[in-house]
């Protein structure tokens, strides 16, 4: 009788491994935001602009890592890139 060798990673194991890699990498997605002001100036943002309702301002970090706080009435649009 001939010995039967099972592959270390069979088809089902490969699919499980692929699914695990996809799930792990999906958490690493980094969104970028585009903040357009009423004067049509565009500020690219690294973090999601957060509204402070008490002061009516949005706070976020720009591409240089500097924290910006802008009054909500100056902002025309916020887009996800």
C-alpha atoms as a PDB file:
ATOM      1  CA  UNK A   1       0.000   0.000   0.000  1.00  0.00           C
ATOM      2  CA  UNK A   2       1.273   3.384  -0.979  1.00  0.00           C
ATOM      3  CA  UNK A   3       1.446   6.094   1.737  1.00  0.00           C
ATOM      4  CA  UNK A   4      -0.813   9.064   1.143  1.00  0.00           C
ATOM      5  CA  UNK A   5       0.700  12.433   1.947  1.00  0.00           C
ATOM      6  CA  UNK A   6      -1.654  15.269   2.745  1.00  0.00           C
ATOM      7  CA  UNK A   7      -0.413  18.687   1.748  1.00  0.00           C
ATOM      8  CA  UNK A   8       0.477  20.953   4.642  1.00  0.00           C
ATOM      9  CA  UNK A   9      -1.954  23.575   3.375  1.00  0.00           C
ATOM     10  CA  UNK A  10      -4.880  22.009   1.601  1.00  0.00           C
ATOM     11  CA  UNK A  11      -7.436  23.961  -0.373  1.00  0.00           C
ATOM     12  CA  UNK A  12      -9.671  24.532   2.648  1.00  0.00           C
ATOM     13  CA  UNK A  13      -6.720  25.679   4.785  1.00  0.00           C
ATOM     14  CA  UNK A  14      -5.650  28.075   2.043  1.00  0.00           C
ATOM     15  CA  UNK A  15      -9.114  29.620   1.957  1.00  0.00           C
ATOM     16  CA  UNK A  16      -9.127  30.031   5.731  1.00  0.00           C
ATOM     17  CA  UNK A  17      -5.685  31.638   5.611  1.00  0.00           C
ATOM     18  CA  UNK A  18      -6.770  33.980   2.815  1.00  0.00           C
ATOM     19  CA  UNK A  19      -9.903  34.981   4.736  1.00  0.00           C
ATOM     20  CA  UNK A  20      -7.838  35.704   7.848  1.00  0.00           C
ATOM     21  CA  UNK A  21      -5.410  37.876   5.860  1.00  0.00           C
ATOM     22  CA  UNK A  22      -8.251  39.832   4.264  1.00  0.00           C
ATOM     23  CA  UNK A  23      -9.895  40.444   7.630  1.00  0.00           C
ATOM     24  CA  UNK A  24      -6.617  41.534   9.209  1.00  0.00           C
ATOM     25  CA  UNK A  25      -5.723  43.887   6.373  1.00  0.00           C
ATOM     26  CA  UNK A  26      -9.162  45.504   6.202  1.00  0.00           C
ATOM     27  CA  UNK A  27      -8.614  47.039   9.634  1.00  0.00           C
ATOM     28  CA  UNK A  28      -5.519  48.817   8.360  1.00  0.00           C
ATOM     29  CA  UNK A  29      -7.349  50.891   5.781  1.00  0.00           C
ATOM     30  CA  UNK A  30      -6.618  54.549   6.333  1.00  0.00           C
ATOM     31  CA  UNK A  31      -9.202  56.995   5.080  1.00  0.00           C
ATOM     32  CA  UNK A  32      -8.197  60.449   3.990  1.00  0.00           C
ATOM     33  CA  UNK A  33     -10.557  63.375   4.022  1.00  0.00           C
ATOM     34  CA  UNK A  34     -10.865  66.478   1.889  1.00  0.00           C
ATOM     35  CA  UNK A  35     -12.188  69.542   3.711  1.00  0.00           C
ATOM     36  CA  UNK A  36     -13.421  72.270   1.379  1.00  0.00           C
ATOM     37  CA  UNK A  37     -13.922  75.717   2.860  1.00  0.00           C
ATOM     38  CA  UNK A  38     -16.460  78.302   1.707  1.00  0.00           C
ATOM     39  CA  UNK A  39     -13.666  80.260  -0.024  1.00  0.00           C
ATOM     40  CA  UNK A  40     -12.940  77.052  -2.060  1.00  0.00           C
ATOM     41  CA  UNK A  41      -9.648  76.387  -0.248  1.00  0.00           C
ATOM     42  CA  UNK A  42      -9.109  72.620   0.096  1.00  0.00           C
ATOM     43  CA  UNK A  43      -7.404  71.152   3.150  1.00  0.00           C
ATOM     44  CA  UNK A  44      -6.458  67.457   3.015  1.00  0.00           C
ATOM     45  CA  UNK A  45      -7.028  65.826   6.409  1.00  0.00           C
ATOM     46  CA  UNK A  46      -5.416  62.702   7.863  1.00  0.00           C
ATOM     47  CA  UNK A  47      -7.982  62.268  10.629  1.00  0.00           C
ATOM     48  CA  UNK A  48     -11.751  62.431  10.437  1.00  0.00           C
ATOM     49  CA  UNK A  49     -12.994  65.946  11.202  1.00  0.00           C
ATOM     50  CA  UNK A  50     -14.943  65.829  14.471  1.00  0.00           C
ATOM     51  CA  UNK A  51     -17.638  68.349  15.280  1.00  0.00           C
ATOM     52  CA  UNK A  52     -17.602  69.941  18.722  1.00  0.00           C
ATOM     53  CA  UNK A  53     -21.235  70.988  19.135  1.00  0.00           C
ATOM     54  CA  UNK A  54     -20.500  73.228  22.120  1.00  0.00           C
ATOM     55  CA  UNK A  55     -18.131  75.461  20.133  1.00  0.00           C
ATOM     56  CA  UNK A  56     -19.504  74.712  16.620  1.00  0.00           C
ATOM     57  CA  UNK A  57     -16.007  73.866  15.355  1.00  0.00           C
ATOM     58  CA  UNK A  58     -14.427  70.953  13.503  1.00  0.00           C
ATOM     59  CA  UNK A  59     -11.066  69.585  14.671  1.00  0.00           C
ATOM     60  CA  UNK A  60      -8.732  67.368  12.639  1.00  0.00           C
ATOM     61  CA  UNK A  61      -5.086  66.836  11.720  1.00  0.00           C
ATOM     62  CA  UNK A  62      -3.783  67.941   8.342  1.00  0.00           C
ATOM     63  CA  UNK A  63      -1.121  66.085   6.294  1.00  0.00           C
ATOM     64  CA  UNK A  64       1.732  67.727   8.203  1.00  0.00           C
ATOM     65  CA  UNK A  65       0.273  66.380  11.470  1.00  0.00           C
ATOM     66  CA  UNK A  66      -0.779  69.806  12.712  1.00  0.00           C
ATOM     67  CA  UNK A  67      -4.094  69.915  14.594  1.00  0.00           C
ATOM     68  CA  UNK A  68      -6.547  72.370  13.037  1.00  0.00           C
ATOM     69  CA  UNK A  69      -9.752  73.736  14.511  1.00  0.00           C
ATOM     70  CA  UNK A  70     -12.059  75.491  12.071  1.00  0.00           C
ATOM     71  CA  UNK A  71     -15.487  77.036  12.715  1.00  0.00           C
ATOM     72  CA  UNK A  72     -18.246  74.923  11.172  1.00  0.00           C
ATOM     73  CA  UNK A  73     -19.673  77.870   9.213  1.00  0.00           C
ATOM     74  CA  UNK A  74     -16.380  78.156   7.273  1.00  0.00           C
ATOM     75  CA  UNK A  75     -16.659  74.554   6.023  1.00  0.00           C
ATOM     76  CA  UNK A  76     -18.524  73.973   2.793  1.00  0.00           C
ATOM     77  CA  UNK A  77     -17.987  70.202   2.382  1.00  0.00           C
ATOM     78  CA  UNK A  78     -16.151  67.213   3.873  1.00  0.00           C
ATOM     79  CA  UNK A  79     -15.405  64.283   1.531  1.00  0.00           C
ATOM     80  CA  UNK A  80     -13.853  60.875   2.103  1.00  0.00           C
ATOM     81  CA  UNK A  81     -11.103  60.084  -0.405  1.00  0.00           C
END
